[in-house]
C-alpha atoms as a PDB file:
ATOM      1  CA  MET A   1       8.731 -25.057  -8.479  1.00  0.00           C
ATOM      2  CA  ARG A   2      10.002 -26.456 -11.814  1.00  0.00           C
ATOM      3  CA  LYS A   3      11.027 -23.070 -12.959  1.00  0.00           C
ATOM      4  CA  LEU A   4      12.900 -22.316  -9.642  1.00  0.00           C
ATOM      5  CA  ALA A   5      14.586 -25.684  -9.832  1.00  0.00           C
ATOM      6  CA  THR A   6      15.671 -24.996 -13.494  1.00  0.00           C
ATOM      7  CA  ALA A   7      17.032 -21.610 -12.472  1.00  0.00           C
ATOM      8  CA  LEU A   8      18.934 -23.149  -9.657  1.00  0.00           C
ATOM      9  CA  ASP A   9      20.094 -26.049 -11.875  1.00  0.00           C
ATOM     10  CA  ALA A  10      18.548 -28.495  -9.340  1.00  0.00           C
ATOM     11  CA  ASN A  11      16.070 -31.377  -9.386  1.00  0.00           C
ATOM     12  CA  PRO A  12      12.554 -30.052  -8.669  1.00  0.00           C
ATOM     13  CA  MET A  13      12.009 -32.738  -6.020  1.00  0.00           C
ATOM     14  CA  SER A  14      15.126 -31.664  -4.115  1.00  0.00           C
ATOM     15  CA  LEU A  15      13.569 -28.296  -3.362  1.00  0.00           C
ATOM     16  CA  TYR A  16      11.091 -29.984  -1.056  1.00  0.00           C
ATOM     17  CA  HIS A  17      13.930 -30.910   1.230  1.00  0.00           C
ATOM     18  CA  HIS A  18      14.307 -27.166   1.974  1.00  0.00           C
ATOM     19  CA  VAL A  19      10.723 -25.860   1.712  1.00  0.00           C
ATOM     20  CA  PRO A  20       7.371 -27.638   1.962  1.00  0.00           C
ATOM     21  CA  ASN A  21       5.595 -25.928  -1.002  1.00  0.00           C
ATOM     22  CA  LYS A  22       5.470 -22.976  -3.339  1.00  0.00           C
ATOM     23  CA  GLU A  23       3.639 -20.899  -0.769  1.00  0.00           C
ATOM     24  CA  ALA A  24       6.647 -21.246   1.549  1.00  0.00           C
ATOM     25  CA  VAL A  25       8.946 -20.076  -1.112  1.00  0.00           C
ATOM     26  CA  LEU A  26       6.850 -17.066  -1.869  1.00  0.00           C
ATOM     27  CA  ARG A  27       6.589 -16.156   1.791  1.00  0.00           C
ATOM     28  CA  GLY A  28      10.362 -16.405   2.170  1.00  0.00           C
ATOM     29  CA  VAL A  29      10.939 -14.259  -0.855  1.00  0.00           C
ATOM     30  CA  THR A  30       8.312 -11.787   0.416  1.00  0.00           C
ATOM     31  CA  ARG A  31      10.146 -11.591   3.795  1.00  0.00           C
ATOM     32  CA  MET A  32      13.443 -11.011   2.021  1.00  0.00           C
ATOM     33  CA  VAL A  33      11.965  -8.196  -0.151  1.00  0.00           C
ATOM     34  CA  GLY A  34      10.180  -6.672   2.953  1.00  0.00           C
ATOM     35  CA  ALA A  35      13.494  -6.561   4.731  1.00  0.00           C
ATOM     36  CA  GLN A  36      14.723  -4.229   1.956  1.00  0.00           C
ATOM     37  CA  PHE A  37      12.176  -1.628   3.094  1.00  0.00           C
ATOM     38  CA  ARG A  38      13.878   1.480   4.222  1.00  0.00           C
ATOM     39  CA  THR A  39      12.542   4.928   4.968  1.00  0.00           C
ATOM     40  CA  VAL A  40      14.145   8.174   5.887  1.00  0.00           C
ATOM     41  CA  ALA A  41      13.286   9.040   9.484  1.00  0.00           C
ATOM     42  CA  LEU A  42      12.345  12.698   9.739  1.00  0.00           C
ATOM     43  CA  GLU A  43      11.702  12.792  13.432  1.00  0.00           C
ATOM     44  CA  ASP A  44      11.486  16.630  13.449  1.00  0.00           C
ATOM     45  CA  ALA A  45       9.150  16.820  10.505  1.00  0.00           C
ATOM     46  CA  PRO A  46       5.334  17.154  10.916  1.00  0.00           C
ATOM     47  CA  TRP A  47       3.600  13.734  11.073  1.00  0.00           C
ATOM     48  CA  GLN A  48       1.807  14.500   7.794  1.00  0.00           C
ATOM     49  CA  GLU A  49       5.189  14.743   5.904  1.00  0.00           C
ATOM     50  CA  ARG A  50       6.503  11.687   7.676  1.00  0.00           C
ATOM     51  CA  ILE A  51       3.477   9.610   6.656  1.00  0.00           C
ATOM     52  CA  ARG A  52       3.670  10.780   3.086  1.00  0.00           C
ATOM     53  CA  LEU A  53       7.353   9.787   2.900  1.00  0.00           C
ATOM     54  CA  LEU A  54       6.684   6.416   4.479  1.00  0.00           C
ATOM     55  CA  ALA A  55       3.848   5.620   2.051  1.00  0.00           C
ATOM     56  CA  MET A  56       5.867   6.797  -0.921  1.00  0.00           C
ATOM     57  CA  ASP A  57       8.874   4.548   0.191  1.00  0.00           C
ATOM     58  CA  PHE A  58       6.441   1.664   0.519  1.00  0.00           C
ATOM     59  CA  GLY A  59       5.025   2.350  -2.952  1.00  0.00           C
ATOM     60  CA  ALA A  60       8.552   2.500  -4.369  1.00  0.00           C
ATOM     61  CA  LEU A  61       9.232  -0.988  -2.955  1.00  0.00           C
ATOM     62  CA  ALA A  62       6.004  -2.287  -4.393  1.00  0.00           C
ATOM     63  CA  HIS A  63       6.879  -0.899  -7.846  1.00  0.00           C
ATOM     64  CA  ARG A  64      10.377  -2.454  -7.699  1.00  0.00           C
ATOM     65  CA  HIS A  65       8.732  -5.843  -7.155  1.00  0.00           C
ATOM     66  CA  PRO A  66       5.205  -5.468  -8.622  1.00  0.00           C
ATOM     67  CA  GLU A  67       4.154  -9.077  -9.102  1.00  0.00           C
ATOM     68  CA  LEU A  68       5.453 -10.234  -5.761  1.00  0.00           C
ATOM     69  CA  MET A  69       3.913  -7.280  -3.869  1.00  0.00           C
ATOM     70  CA  ALA A  70       0.577  -7.644  -5.655  1.00  0.00           C
ATOM     71  CA  TYR A  71       0.544 -11.332  -4.751  1.00  0.00           C
ATOM     72  CA  SER A  72       1.515 -10.578  -1.161  1.00  0.00           C
ATOM     73  CA  PHE A  73      -1.108  -7.989  -0.725  1.00  0.00           C
ATOM     74  CA  SER A  74      -3.866 -10.283  -1.924  1.00  0.00           C
ATOM     75  CA  HIS A  75      -2.647 -13.682  -0.700  1.00  0.00           C
ATOM     76  CA  GLN A  76      -0.684 -13.097   2.554  1.00  0.00           C
ATOM     77  CA  PRO A  77      -2.824 -11.391   5.256  1.00  0.00           C
ATOM     78  CA  ASP A  78       0.267 -11.605   7.555  1.00  0.00           C
ATOM     79  CA  PHE A  79       2.438  -9.762   5.041  1.00  0.00           C
ATOM     80  CA  ILE A  80       3.071  -7.053   7.557  1.00  0.00           C
ATOM     81  CA  GLN A  81       4.341  -8.185  10.974  1.00  0.00           C
ATOM     82  CA  PRO A  82       4.495  -6.189  14.290  1.00  0.00           C
ATOM     83  CA  ASP A  83       8.267  -5.929  13.964  1.00  0.00           C
ATOM     84  CA  ASP A  84       8.427  -4.899  10.403  1.00  0.00           C
ATOM     85  CA  PRO A  85      10.149  -1.523   9.835  1.00  0.00           C
ATOM     86  CA  PHE A  86       7.044  -0.278   7.950  1.00  0.00           C
ATOM     87  CA  TRP A  87       4.609  -1.170  10.719  1.00  0.00           C
ATOM     88  CA  THR A  88       6.971   0.247  13.406  1.00  0.00           C
ATOM     89  CA  ALA A  89       7.435   3.567  11.583  1.00  0.00           C
ATOM     90  CA  LEU A  90       3.737   3.812  10.710  1.00  0.00           C
ATOM     91  CA  THR A  91       2.522   3.261  14.346  1.00  0.00           C
ATOM     92  CA  ALA A  92       5.111   5.700  15.601  1.00  0.00           C
ATOM     93  CA  ILE A  93       3.884   8.324  13.171  1.00  0.00           C
ATOM     94  CA  VAL A  94       0.236   7.687  13.967  1.00  0.00           C
ATOM     95  CA  GLU A  95       1.017   8.055  17.691  1.00  0.00           C
ATOM     96  CA  ALA A  96       2.925  11.307  16.926  1.00  0.00           C
ATOM     97  CA  ALA A  97      -0.187  12.573  15.195  1.00  0.00           C
ATOM     98  CA  GLY A  98      -2.056  12.376  18.458  1.00  0.00           C
ATOM     99  CA  VAL A  99      -4.116   9.241  17.959  1.00  0.00           C
ATOM    100  CA  PRO A 100      -4.983   7.719  21.380  1.00  0.00           C
ATOM    101  CA  ARG A 101      -2.730   4.725  21.991  1.00  0.00           C
ATOM    102  CA  SER A 102      -5.701   2.353  22.098  1.00  0.00           C
ATOM    103  CA  GLU A 103      -6.713   3.336  18.591  1.00  0.00           C
ATOM    104  CA  ILE A 104      -3.334   3.221  16.944  1.00  0.00           C
ATOM    105  CA  PRO A 105      -3.587  -0.384  15.695  1.00  0.00           C
ATOM    106  CA  GLU A 106      -6.979   0.107  14.090  1.00  0.00           C
ATOM    107  CA  ILE A 107      -6.094   3.457  12.406  1.00  0.00           C
ATOM    108  CA  ALA A 108      -2.735   2.120  11.163  1.00  0.00           C
ATOM    109  CA  ALA A 109      -4.454  -1.028   9.833  1.00  0.00           C
ATOM    110  CA  LEU A 110      -6.940   1.030   7.891  1.00  0.00           C
ATOM    111  CA  MET A 111      -4.193   3.161   6.526  1.00  0.00           C
ATOM    112  CA  VAL A 112      -2.276   0.087   5.396  1.00  0.00           C
ATOM    113  CA  ALA A 113      -5.491  -1.334   3.812  1.00  0.00           C
ATOM    114  CA  VAL A 114      -6.103   1.813   1.835  1.00  0.00           C
ATOM    115  CA  VAL A 115      -2.399   2.177   0.715  1.00  0.00           C
ATOM    116  CA  THR A 116      -2.085  -1.528  -0.288  1.00  0.00           C
ATOM    117  CA  GLY A 117      -5.404  -1.346  -1.996  1.00  0.00           C
ATOM    118  CA  VAL A 118      -4.320   1.697  -4.097  1.00  0.00           C
ATOM    119  CA  LEU A 119      -1.033   0.052  -4.823  1.00  0.00           C
ATOM    120  CA  THR A 120      -2.738  -3.105  -5.931  1.00  0.00           C
ATOM    121  CA  ALA A 121      -4.981  -1.156  -8.261  1.00  0.00           C
ATOM    122  CA  GLU A 122      -1.925   0.658  -9.613  1.00  0.00           C
ATOM    123  CA  LEU A 123       0.033  -2.534 -10.201  1.00  0.00           C
ATOM    124  CA  ASN A 124      -2.740  -4.404 -11.958  1.00  0.00           C
ATOM    125  CA  GLY A 125      -3.810  -1.304 -14.040  1.00  0.00           C
ATOM    126  CA  SER A 126      -7.286  -0.881 -12.526  1.00  0.00           C
ATOM    127  CA  LEU A 127      -6.518   2.499 -11.128  1.00  0.00           C
ATOM    128  CA  HIS A 128      -5.511   3.905 -14.447  1.00  0.00           C
ATOM    129  CA  GLN A 129      -8.531   2.487 -16.147  1.00  0.00           C
ATOM    130  CA  TRP A 130     -10.920   3.750 -13.470  1.00  0.00           C
ATOM    131  CA  SER A 131      -9.440   7.253 -13.563  1.00  0.00           C
ATOM    132  CA  THR A 132     -10.278   7.585 -17.272  1.00  0.00           C
ATOM    133  CA  LEU A 133     -13.980   6.774 -16.883  1.00  0.00           C
ATOM    134  CA  LYS A 134     -16.429   9.632 -17.383  1.00  0.00           C
ATOM    135  CA  PRO A 135     -18.970  10.311 -14.578  1.00  0.00           C
ATOM    136  CA  PRO A 136     -22.485   9.439 -15.705  1.00  0.00           C
ATOM    137  CA  GLY A 137     -24.587  12.425 -16.727  1.00  0.00           C
ATOM    138  CA  PRO A 138     -26.426  14.133 -19.504  1.00  0.00           C
ATOM    139  CA  ASP A 139     -23.247  15.183 -21.309  1.00  0.00           C
ATOM    140  CA  ALA A 140     -21.280  11.991 -20.665  1.00  0.00           C
ATOM    141  CA  GLY A 141     -22.602  10.055 -23.651  1.00  0.00           C
ATOM    142  CA  GLU A 142     -21.646   6.516 -22.582  1.00  0.00           C
ATOM    143  CA  ASP A 143     -20.114   5.338 -19.388  1.00  0.00           C
ATOM    144  CA  GLY A 144     -16.930   4.312 -21.291  1.00  0.00           C
ATOM    145  CA  PRO A 145     -13.446   5.951 -21.225  1.00  0.00           C
ATOM    146  CA  MET A 146     -13.292   9.681 -21.731  1.00  0.00           C
ATOM    147  CA  ASP A 147     -11.306   9.575 -25.054  1.00  0.00           C
ATOM    148  CA  ALA A 148      -9.467   6.869 -26.788  1.00  0.00           C
ATOM    149  CA  GLY A 149      -6.350   8.954 -26.309  1.00  0.00           C
ATOM    150  CA  ALA A 150      -7.041  10.012 -22.705  1.00  0.00           C
ATOM    151  CA  GLU A 151      -4.217   8.974 -20.426  1.00  0.00           C
ATOM    152  CA  GLY A 152      -5.765   9.948 -17.088  1.00  0.00           C
ATOM    153  CA  PRO A 153      -3.782  11.232 -14.170  1.00  0.00           C
ATOM    154  CA  ASP A 154      -0.329   9.768 -13.536  1.00  0.00           C
ATOM    155  CA  GLN A 155       0.386   7.353 -10.714  1.00  0.00           C
ATOM    156  CA  ASP A 156       2.276   9.909  -8.549  1.00  0.00           C
ATOM    157  CA  HIS A 157      -0.667  12.321  -8.725  1.00  0.00           C
ATOM    158  CA  MET A 158      -3.065   9.586  -7.722  1.00  0.00           C
ATOM    159  CA  PHE A 159      -0.845   8.401  -4.856  1.00  0.00           C
ATOM    160  CA  ARG A 160      -0.474  11.965  -3.568  1.00  0.00           C
ATOM    161  CA  LEU A 161      -4.270  12.364  -3.782  1.00  0.00           C
ATOM    162  CA  VAL A 162      -4.920   9.276  -1.776  1.00  0.00           C
ATOM    163  CA  MET A 163      -2.272  10.326   0.828  1.00  0.00           C
ATOM    164  CA  ASP A 164      -3.726  13.868   1.091  1.00  0.00           C
ATOM    165  CA  THR A 165      -7.236  12.348   1.609  1.00  0.00           C
ATOM    166  CA  LEU A 166      -5.976   9.923   4.312  1.00  0.00           C
ATOM    167  CA  ILE A 167      -4.122  12.759   6.085  1.00  0.00           C
ATOM    168  CA  MET A 168      -7.087  15.084   5.883  1.00  0.00           C
ATOM    169  CA  GLY A 169      -9.373  12.423   7.169  1.00  0.00           C
ATOM    170  CA  LEU A 170      -7.098  11.773  10.158  1.00  0.00           C
ATOM    171  CA  GLU A 171      -6.633  15.504  10.872  1.00  0.00           C
ATOM    172  CA  SER A 172     -10.460  15.898  10.767  1.00  0.00           C
ATOM    173  CA  ARG A 173     -10.963  12.946  13.116  1.00  0.00           C
ATOM    174  CA  LEU A 174      -8.341  14.295  15.553  1.00  0.00           C
ATOM    175  CA  ALA A 175      -9.922  17.757  15.421  1.00  0.00           C
ATOM    176  CA  GLY A 176     -13.427  16.508  15.867  1.00  0.00           C
ATOM    177  CA  GLY A 177     -12.866  13.950  18.643  1.00  0.00           C
ATOM    178  CA  ARG A 178     -13.600  10.217  18.798  1.00  0.00           C
ATOM    179  CA  ASP A 179     -16.615  10.147  16.556  1.00  0.00           C
ATOM    180  CA  GLY A 180     -14.532  11.391  13.610  1.00  0.00           C
ATOM    181  CA  ARG A 181     -16.625  14.401  12.816  1.00  0.00           C
ATOM    182  CA  GLY A 182     -14.495  17.540  12.228  1.00  0.00           C
ATOM    183  CA  ALA A 183     -15.371  20.856  13.729  1.00  0.00           C
ATOM    184  CA  GLY A 184     -18.555  22.300  12.274  1.00  0.00           C
ATOM    185  CA  LEU A 185     -19.779  19.121  10.832  1.00  0.00           C
END
């Protein structure tokens, strides 16, 4: 609050006339940033392409404001509201995929959890570090990083991989019925 007051050239105590605490300030800033979320509506495109675009737009917003978004993902369970453009678009796409209306909230919530989890791991560097670990085995030596110079896959590749996995999982669930088992499984 002191840093904010300094930036505003105000007395730190005067901020409390406008907001009750630091958490309220962060919530307000998060709402303002969330309102910046925009996605291109491709109503005629397959749902798979629409969901990829939506997730990529959400990821771009997270990377424009990494510290705020990482904080919001981990400290604000109500970060996404029912009237948010992201939630509205996501639920419409999930419905267009053929998910029964009664299951849309839980499927969409799981997708948000996976995407925000991956974004959090990207933003804090964990995803990069994990992607350079060797699998255990006889030729792995130690369980440490592959090589000191190994860079691992880039973030775009990893994000596409998670989206492909989510999409294939939902396609399999839809093809296999309610129990989620795909045809032939």
